[in-house]
Amino acid sequence: MSATGLDLFDKSLHTTNSWLDETTETIGPDRRLAWKVLSIVLRKVRDRLTVTQMAHLSAQLPLIVRGAFYDQYEPARQPESYNTADEFLQEVQKWLTDTRTIGADDAVAAVFAMLNRHISPGEIGKVRQALPKGIRSLWPEPEPVFADSPV
C-alpha cells in the first residue's frame, strides 16, 4: 500500500530512507544524526558550487533530500570562500556541535561514500572537479562502472 498515495513522494521517501540506512551503517544507528549529517554535508558542498553546478547535482537527489539541500540557501553568498580540507571540515563541525560526538571527517566520509554509490559517476566527477583541490581531496573518486560482459 502506498504511504502517501503519490508515487513521486513514495519513491522519494523510500530512497531517502535507503540513503539514511546506508549512512547509519557508517556513523551509527541514530537516524536523526544521519539526517543531520547528510543535510549539513550536502549544504556545505552546495555552498562551494555555482548555481548551475548545484542545480545539476540537486537534480539527482531524492525530492526530500533536495529540500534539505536547498534549505537555508542564500544565492548571493555563492560560492563560499572556504577552500582547504580543514576549512571545509570546520564548517561541517560548526553545525554538528549539538549532536552526539561525531567528527566532521567521519560525517563527510560517510556522505561522500554514500553519494558515490547513488549519484552518477559523471555528475560526481563534475562536482568534485568544481570543488577546490583541498575539499576535493576529502571526496574519493567513485568506483568505475563496468558494463556486463557478454556470456
N, C-alpha and C. Protein backbone atom coordinates (compact mmCIF):
# COMPACT_ATOMS: atom_id res chain seq x y z
N MET A 1 0.84 -1.17 0.00
CA MET A 1 0.00 0.00 0.00
C MET A 1 0.89 1.25 0.00
N SER A 2 0.44 2.25 -0.67
CA SER A 2 1.18 3.50 -0.80
C SER A 2 1.14 4.28 0.51
N ALA A 3 2.29 4.82 0.89
CA ALA A 3 2.36 5.61 2.12
C ALA A 3 1.69 6.96 1.96
N THR A 4 1.81 7.55 0.76
CA THR A 4 1.29 8.90 0.55
C THR A 4 0.20 8.97 -0.50
N GLY A 5 0.11 7.96 -1.33
CA GLY A 5 -0.85 8.00 -2.43
C GLY A 5 -0.27 8.66 -3.67
N LEU A 6 0.94 9.13 -3.59
CA LEU A 6 1.62 9.75 -4.73
C LEU A 6 2.94 9.02 -4.96
N ASP A 7 3.09 8.43 -6.14
CA ASP A 7 4.28 7.64 -6.43
C ASP A 7 5.58 8.43 -6.26
N LEU A 8 5.58 9.69 -6.68
CA LEU A 8 6.77 10.52 -6.57
C LEU A 8 7.21 10.65 -5.11
N PHE A 9 6.27 10.91 -4.22
CA PHE A 9 6.60 11.05 -2.80
C PHE A 9 7.01 9.72 -2.20
N ASP A 10 6.30 8.65 -2.57
CA ASP A 10 6.64 7.33 -2.04
C ASP A 10 8.05 6.92 -2.45
N LYS A 11 8.40 7.16 -3.72
CA LYS A 11 9.74 6.81 -4.20
C LYS A 11 10.79 7.65 -3.48
N SER A 12 10.53 8.94 -3.31
CA SER A 12 11.47 9.81 -2.62
C SER A 12 11.65 9.38 -1.17
N LEU A 13 10.57 9.05 -0.51
CA LEU A 13 10.63 8.59 0.87
C LEU A 13 11.43 7.30 0.98
N HIS A 14 11.17 6.37 0.08
CA HIS A 14 11.88 5.09 0.08
C HIS A 14 13.38 5.31 -0.16
N THR A 15 13.72 6.12 -1.15
CA THR A 15 15.13 6.38 -1.47
C THR A 15 15.82 7.11 -0.33
N THR A 16 15.16 8.10 0.25
CA THR A 16 15.73 8.83 1.37
C THR A 16 16.00 7.90 2.54
N ASN A 17 15.05 7.03 2.85
CA ASN A 17 15.24 6.06 3.93
C ASN A 17 16.42 5.13 3.63
N SER A 18 16.55 4.73 2.40
CA SER A 18 17.66 3.88 1.99
C SER A 18 19.00 4.60 2.19
N TRP A 19 19.05 5.87 1.80
CA TRP A 19 20.28 6.65 1.98
C TRP A 19 20.60 6.82 3.46
N LEU A 20 19.58 7.05 4.27
CA LEU A 20 19.80 7.18 5.71
C LEU A 20 20.28 5.87 6.32
N ASP A 21 19.71 4.75 5.86
CA ASP A 21 20.15 3.43 6.34
C ASP A 21 21.64 3.22 6.04
N GLU A 22 22.04 3.57 4.83
CA GLU A 22 23.45 3.42 4.46
C GLU A 22 24.34 4.32 5.32
N THR A 23 23.88 5.51 5.60
CA THR A 23 24.66 6.44 6.40
C THR A 23 24.79 5.93 7.82
N THR A 24 23.70 5.37 8.37
CA THR A 24 23.77 4.85 9.74
C THR A 24 24.70 3.64 9.84
N GLU A 25 24.87 2.91 8.76
CA GLU A 25 25.81 1.79 8.77
C GLU A 25 27.23 2.28 9.05
N THR A 26 27.51 3.51 8.66
CA THR A 26 28.85 4.08 8.83
C THR A 26 28.98 4.86 10.13
N ILE A 27 27.98 5.66 10.48
CA ILE A 27 28.12 6.57 11.63
C ILE A 27 27.40 6.09 12.88
N GLY A 28 26.66 5.00 12.79
CA GLY A 28 25.92 4.51 13.94
C GLY A 28 24.42 4.60 13.72
N PRO A 29 23.64 3.98 14.60
CA PRO A 29 22.21 3.77 14.36
C PRO A 29 21.28 4.95 14.57
N ASP A 30 21.78 6.11 14.82
CA ASP A 30 20.93 7.28 15.08
C ASP A 30 20.48 7.91 13.76
N ARG A 31 19.23 7.67 13.37
CA ARG A 31 18.72 8.18 12.08
C ARG A 31 18.60 9.70 12.07
N ARG A 32 18.30 10.29 13.22
CA ARG A 32 18.25 11.76 13.27
C ARG A 32 19.62 12.35 13.00
N LEU A 33 20.64 11.73 13.56
CA LEU A 33 22.00 12.17 13.30
C LEU A 33 22.35 11.95 11.83
N ALA A 34 21.94 10.83 11.27
CA ALA A 34 22.22 10.55 9.86
C ALA A 34 21.58 11.62 8.97
N TRP A 35 20.36 12.02 9.29
CA TRP A 35 19.69 13.07 8.51
C TRP A 35 20.44 14.39 8.64
N LYS A 36 20.84 14.71 9.86
CA LYS A 36 21.57 15.96 10.08
C LYS A 36 22.90 15.94 9.34
N VAL A 37 23.64 14.85 9.43
CA VAL A 37 24.93 14.72 8.75
C VAL A 37 24.74 14.86 7.24
N LEU A 38 23.78 14.14 6.69
CA LEU A 38 23.51 14.22 5.25
C LEU A 38 23.16 15.64 4.84
N SER A 39 22.28 16.28 5.58
CA SER A 39 21.86 17.65 5.26
C SER A 39 23.02 18.64 5.33
N ILE A 40 23.79 18.56 6.39
CA ILE A 40 24.89 19.51 6.58
C ILE A 40 25.95 19.36 5.49
N VAL A 41 26.37 18.14 5.26
CA VAL A 41 27.44 17.93 4.27
C VAL A 41 26.97 18.36 2.89
N LEU A 42 25.75 18.02 2.52
CA LEU A 42 25.24 18.45 1.22
C LEU A 42 25.19 19.97 1.11
N ARG A 43 24.75 20.64 2.17
CA ARG A 43 24.68 22.11 2.12
C ARG A 43 26.07 22.73 2.05
N LYS A 44 27.03 22.16 2.70
CA LYS A 44 28.39 22.71 2.66
C LYS A 44 29.02 22.49 1.28
N VAL A 45 28.71 21.37 0.64
CA VAL A 45 29.14 21.17 -0.75
C VAL A 45 28.44 22.19 -1.63
N ARG A 46 27.13 22.31 -1.47
CA ARG A 46 26.34 23.26 -2.25
C ARG A 46 26.92 24.66 -2.17
N ASP A 47 27.34 25.05 -0.98
CA ASP A 47 27.83 26.41 -0.77
C ASP A 47 29.15 26.69 -1.47
N ARG A 48 29.81 25.65 -1.98
CA ARG A 48 31.05 25.84 -2.73
C ARG A 48 30.84 25.75 -4.24
N LEU A 49 29.60 25.52 -4.68
CA LEU A 49 29.30 25.35 -6.10
C LEU A 49 28.63 26.59 -6.67
N THR A 50 28.72 26.72 -7.98
CA THR A 50 27.95 27.76 -8.65
C THR A 50 26.50 27.32 -8.71
N VAL A 51 25.63 28.24 -9.04
CA VAL A 51 24.20 27.94 -9.12
C VAL A 51 23.95 26.83 -10.14
N THR A 52 24.58 26.88 -11.27
CA THR A 52 24.39 25.85 -12.31
C THR A 52 24.87 24.49 -11.82
N GLN A 53 26.04 24.46 -11.21
CA GLN A 53 26.58 23.19 -10.72
C GLN A 53 25.69 22.58 -9.65
N MET A 54 25.20 23.41 -8.75
CA MET A 54 24.35 22.87 -7.69
C MET A 54 23.00 22.40 -8.23
N ALA A 55 22.50 23.05 -9.27
CA ALA A 55 21.23 22.63 -9.87
C ALA A 55 21.38 21.25 -10.50
N HIS A 56 22.51 21.01 -11.15
CA HIS A 56 22.74 19.70 -11.76
C HIS A 56 22.85 18.60 -10.71
N LEU A 57 23.56 18.89 -9.63
CA LEU A 57 23.67 17.90 -8.55
C LEU A 57 22.30 17.65 -7.93
N SER A 58 21.57 18.71 -7.63
CA SER A 58 20.28 18.54 -6.95
C SER A 58 19.28 17.74 -7.77
N ALA A 59 19.42 17.77 -9.08
CA ALA A 59 18.50 17.02 -9.94
C ALA A 59 18.61 15.51 -9.71
N GLN A 60 19.71 15.06 -9.15
CA GLN A 60 19.89 13.62 -8.91
C GLN A 60 19.59 13.22 -7.47
N LEU A 61 19.16 14.17 -6.67
CA LEU A 61 18.82 13.88 -5.28
C LEU A 61 17.35 13.53 -5.16
N PRO A 62 17.00 12.64 -4.22
CA PRO A 62 15.58 12.39 -3.97
C PRO A 62 14.91 13.71 -3.55
N LEU A 63 13.65 13.85 -3.87
CA LEU A 63 12.92 15.09 -3.61
C LEU A 63 13.06 15.57 -2.16
N ILE A 64 12.96 14.66 -1.22
CA ILE A 64 13.06 15.03 0.19
C ILE A 64 14.46 15.55 0.51
N VAL A 65 15.47 14.88 0.02
CA VAL A 65 16.86 15.30 0.24
C VAL A 65 17.12 16.63 -0.47
N ARG A 66 16.54 16.79 -1.64
CA ARG A 66 16.68 18.04 -2.38
C ARG A 66 16.16 19.22 -1.56
N GLY A 67 15.10 19.01 -0.80
CA GLY A 67 14.59 20.06 0.07
C GLY A 67 15.62 20.46 1.12
N ALA A 68 16.29 19.47 1.71
CA ALA A 68 17.35 19.76 2.68
C ALA A 68 18.53 20.46 2.02
N PHE A 69 18.82 20.06 0.80
CA PHE A 69 19.93 20.64 0.03
C PHE A 69 19.71 22.15 -0.15
N TYR A 70 18.49 22.55 -0.43
CA TYR A 70 18.19 23.96 -0.66
C TYR A 70 17.83 24.73 0.62
N ASP A 71 17.67 24.03 1.73
CA ASP A 71 17.34 24.69 2.98
C ASP A 71 18.44 25.70 3.33
N GLN A 72 18.04 26.88 3.75
CA GLN A 72 18.95 27.96 4.15
C GLN A 72 19.84 28.45 3.00
N TYR A 73 19.42 28.23 1.79
CA TYR A 73 20.19 28.65 0.61
C TYR A 73 20.14 30.16 0.44
N GLU A 74 21.30 30.77 0.27
CA GLU A 74 21.41 32.21 0.05
C GLU A 74 22.23 32.43 -1.23
N PRO A 75 21.57 32.57 -2.38
CA PRO A 75 22.29 32.67 -3.65
C PRO A 75 23.33 33.78 -3.69
N ALA A 76 23.10 34.86 -2.99
CA ALA A 76 24.05 35.97 -3.01
C ALA A 76 25.38 35.61 -2.36
N ARG A 77 25.41 34.54 -1.58
CA ARG A 77 26.63 34.14 -0.88
C ARG A 77 27.39 33.04 -1.62
N GLN A 78 26.93 32.65 -2.80
CA GLN A 78 27.56 31.54 -3.51
C GLN A 78 28.66 32.06 -4.44
N PRO A 79 29.73 31.32 -4.61
CA PRO A 79 30.16 30.26 -3.70
C PRO A 79 30.89 30.83 -2.49
N GLU A 80 30.86 30.06 -1.41
CA GLU A 80 31.56 30.44 -0.18
C GLU A 80 33.07 30.43 -0.43
N SER A 81 33.83 30.92 0.52
CA SER A 81 35.27 31.09 0.30
C SER A 81 36.14 30.02 0.94
N TYR A 82 35.56 29.03 1.66
CA TYR A 82 36.44 28.03 2.26
C TYR A 82 36.99 27.12 1.15
N ASN A 83 38.31 26.88 1.23
CA ASN A 83 38.99 26.16 0.14
C ASN A 83 39.72 24.91 0.58
N THR A 84 40.20 24.87 1.79
CA THR A 84 41.01 23.74 2.23
C THR A 84 40.13 22.67 2.87
N ALA A 85 40.71 21.48 2.98
CA ALA A 85 40.00 20.40 3.66
C ALA A 85 39.69 20.80 5.10
N ASP A 86 40.65 21.41 5.78
CA ASP A 86 40.43 21.81 7.17
C ASP A 86 39.31 22.83 7.29
N GLU A 87 39.27 23.81 6.40
CA GLU A 87 38.21 24.82 6.44
C GLU A 87 36.84 24.19 6.20
N PHE A 88 36.78 23.26 5.25
CA PHE A 88 35.52 22.57 4.96
C PHE A 88 35.07 21.77 6.18
N LEU A 89 35.99 21.02 6.77
CA LEU A 89 35.65 20.21 7.94
C LEU A 89 35.23 21.09 9.12
N GLN A 90 35.85 22.25 9.28
CA GLN A 90 35.45 23.18 10.34
C GLN A 90 34.03 23.68 10.11
N GLU A 91 33.68 23.97 8.84
CA GLU A 91 32.33 24.42 8.51
C GLU A 91 31.30 23.33 8.87
N VAL A 92 31.61 22.09 8.54
CA VAL A 92 30.71 20.98 8.87
C VAL A 92 30.62 20.84 10.39
N GLN A 93 31.76 20.86 11.06
CA GLN A 93 31.79 20.65 12.52
C GLN A 93 30.98 21.70 13.26
N LYS A 94 30.97 22.94 12.78
CA LYS A 94 30.18 24.01 13.43
C LYS A 94 28.72 23.60 13.57
N TRP A 95 28.21 22.89 12.59
CA TRP A 95 26.80 22.52 12.58
C TRP A 95 26.53 21.20 13.30
N LEU A 96 27.60 20.53 13.73
CA LEU A 96 27.45 19.26 14.45
C LEU A 96 27.64 19.40 15.95
N THR A 97 27.80 20.61 16.43
CA THR A 97 28.11 20.81 17.85
C THR A 97 26.98 20.40 18.79
N ASP A 98 25.76 20.34 18.30
CA ASP A 98 24.64 19.99 19.18
C ASP A 98 24.23 18.52 19.04
N THR A 99 25.13 17.69 18.52
CA THR A 99 24.83 16.27 18.35
C THR A 99 25.79 15.45 19.21
N ARG A 100 25.52 14.15 19.27
CA ARG A 100 26.48 13.29 19.97
C ARG A 100 27.80 13.43 19.25
N THR A 101 28.84 13.03 19.89
CA THR A 101 30.17 13.23 19.33
C THR A 101 30.33 12.46 18.02
N ILE A 102 30.50 13.22 16.96
CA ILE A 102 30.87 12.65 15.67
C ILE A 102 31.79 13.67 15.02
N GLY A 103 32.88 13.20 14.53
CA GLY A 103 33.83 14.09 13.88
C GLY A 103 33.35 14.47 12.49
N ALA A 104 33.67 15.67 12.09
CA ALA A 104 33.31 16.12 10.75
C ALA A 104 33.93 15.23 9.69
N ASP A 105 35.13 14.73 9.94
CA ASP A 105 35.78 13.86 8.95
C ASP A 105 34.97 12.58 8.74
N ASP A 106 34.43 12.00 9.82
CA ASP A 106 33.60 10.80 9.70
C ASP A 106 32.28 11.12 8.99
N ALA A 107 31.69 12.25 9.33
CA ALA A 107 30.43 12.66 8.70
C ALA A 107 30.62 12.86 7.21
N VAL A 108 31.66 13.58 6.83
CA VAL A 108 31.92 13.86 5.41
C VAL A 108 32.22 12.57 4.67
N ALA A 109 33.05 11.71 5.24
CA ALA A 109 33.39 10.45 4.59
C ALA A 109 32.15 9.59 4.35
N ALA A 110 31.26 9.53 5.34
CA ALA A 110 30.04 8.72 5.21
C ALA A 110 29.15 9.24 4.08
N VAL A 111 28.96 10.54 4.02
CA VAL A 111 28.08 11.12 2.99
C VAL A 111 28.71 11.00 1.62
N PHE A 112 29.99 11.31 1.48
CA PHE A 112 30.64 11.22 0.18
C PHE A 112 30.61 9.78 -0.35
N ALA A 113 30.86 8.81 0.51
CA ALA A 113 30.82 7.41 0.08
C ALA A 113 29.41 7.02 -0.38
N MET A 114 28.40 7.46 0.38
CA MET A 114 27.02 7.14 0.01
C MET A 114 26.65 7.81 -1.32
N LEU A 115 27.02 9.08 -1.49
CA LEU A 115 26.72 9.77 -2.75
C LEU A 115 27.41 9.10 -3.92
N ASN A 116 28.63 8.62 -3.72
CA ASN A 116 29.34 7.91 -4.80
C ASN A 116 28.55 6.69 -5.28
N ARG A 117 27.78 6.09 -4.41
CA ARG A 117 27.00 4.90 -4.80
C ARG A 117 25.68 5.25 -5.48
N HIS A 118 25.21 6.49 -5.34
CA HIS A 118 23.86 6.81 -5.81
C HIS A 118 23.77 7.92 -6.84
N ILE A 119 24.77 8.73 -6.95
CA ILE A 119 24.79 9.80 -7.96
C ILE A 119 25.64 9.30 -9.12
N SER A 120 25.28 9.67 -10.33
CA SER A 120 26.02 9.17 -11.49
C SER A 120 27.50 9.54 -11.39
N PRO A 121 28.38 8.64 -11.81
CA PRO A 121 29.81 8.94 -11.75
C PRO A 121 30.17 10.22 -12.50
N GLY A 122 29.49 10.49 -13.60
CA GLY A 122 29.75 11.71 -14.36
C GLY A 122 29.45 12.96 -13.54
N GLU A 123 28.33 12.94 -12.83
CA GLU A 123 27.96 14.10 -12.02
C GLU A 123 28.90 14.24 -10.82
N ILE A 124 29.25 13.12 -10.20
CA ILE A 124 30.20 13.17 -9.08
C ILE A 124 31.51 13.77 -9.58
N GLY A 125 31.96 13.35 -10.76
CA GLY A 125 33.20 13.88 -11.31
C GLY A 125 33.12 15.39 -11.53
N LYS A 126 32.00 15.87 -12.03
CA LYS A 126 31.83 17.31 -12.26
C LYS A 126 31.83 18.08 -10.95
N VAL A 127 31.13 17.55 -9.95
CA VAL A 127 31.07 18.22 -8.65
C VAL A 127 32.45 18.24 -8.02
N ARG A 128 33.11 17.08 -8.02
CA ARG A 128 34.46 17.02 -7.43
C ARG A 128 35.39 18.02 -8.11
N GLN A 129 35.32 18.06 -9.44
CA GLN A 129 36.20 18.97 -10.19
C GLN A 129 35.90 20.43 -9.88
N ALA A 130 34.67 20.74 -9.57
CA ALA A 130 34.28 22.12 -9.27
C ALA A 130 34.74 22.56 -7.88
N LEU A 131 35.01 21.61 -7.02
CA LEU A 131 35.45 21.94 -5.67
C LEU A 131 36.93 22.29 -5.65
N PRO A 132 37.33 23.16 -4.73
CA PRO A 132 38.76 23.43 -4.58
C PRO A 132 39.51 22.14 -4.26
N LYS A 133 40.77 22.09 -4.66
CA LYS A 133 41.59 20.88 -4.52
C LYS A 133 41.57 20.34 -3.09
N GLY A 134 41.64 21.23 -2.10
CA GLY A 134 41.65 20.78 -0.71
C GLY A 134 40.39 20.03 -0.33
N ILE A 135 39.25 20.55 -0.73
CA ILE A 135 37.97 19.89 -0.42
C ILE A 135 37.83 18.62 -1.26
N ARG A 136 38.24 18.70 -2.51
CA ARG A 136 38.17 17.54 -3.41
C ARG A 136 38.93 16.35 -2.83
N SER A 137 40.00 16.63 -2.11
CA SER A 137 40.82 15.55 -1.55
C SER A 137 40.04 14.72 -0.52
N LEU A 138 38.98 15.27 0.04
CA LEU A 138 38.15 14.54 1.01
C LEU A 138 37.17 13.57 0.33
N TRP A 139 36.90 13.80 -0.96
CA TRP A 139 35.88 13.05 -1.68
C TRP A 139 36.55 12.04 -2.60
N PRO A 140 36.52 10.76 -2.25
CA PRO A 140 37.17 9.76 -3.10
C PRO A 140 36.47 9.65 -4.45
N GLU A 141 37.26 9.31 -5.45
CA GLU A 141 36.67 9.09 -6.76
C GLU A 141 35.75 7.89 -6.68
N PRO A 142 34.61 7.94 -7.40
CA PRO A 142 33.71 6.78 -7.38
C PRO A 142 34.36 5.59 -8.08
N GLU A 143 33.93 4.43 -7.65
CA GLU A 143 34.41 3.20 -8.30
C GLU A 143 33.96 3.20 -9.76
N PRO A 144 34.82 2.74 -10.67
CA PRO A 144 34.40 2.70 -12.07
C PRO A 144 33.25 1.72 -12.27
N VAL A 145 32.36 2.08 -13.18
CA VAL A 145 31.22 1.23 -13.50
C VAL A 145 31.55 0.51 -14.81
N PHE A 146 31.49 -0.82 -14.76
CA PHE A 146 31.79 -1.62 -15.94
C PHE A 146 30.51 -2.22 -16.48
N ALA A 147 30.39 -2.22 -17.80
CA ALA A 147 29.24 -2.87 -18.43
C ALA A 147 29.38 -4.36 -18.25
N ASP A 148 28.25 -5.04 -18.17
CA ASP A 148 28.27 -6.51 -18.05
C ASP A 148 28.97 -7.10 -19.25
N SER A 149 29.80 -8.08 -18.99
CA SER A 149 30.49 -8.76 -20.08
C SER A 149 29.55 -9.75 -20.74
N PRO A 150 29.67 -9.89 -22.06
CA PRO A 150 28.82 -10.90 -22.72
C PRO A 150 29.20 -12.29 -22.26
N VAL A 151 28.21 -13.15 -22.15
CA VAL A 151 28.44 -14.52 -21.66
C VAL A 151 28.84 -15.41 -22.78
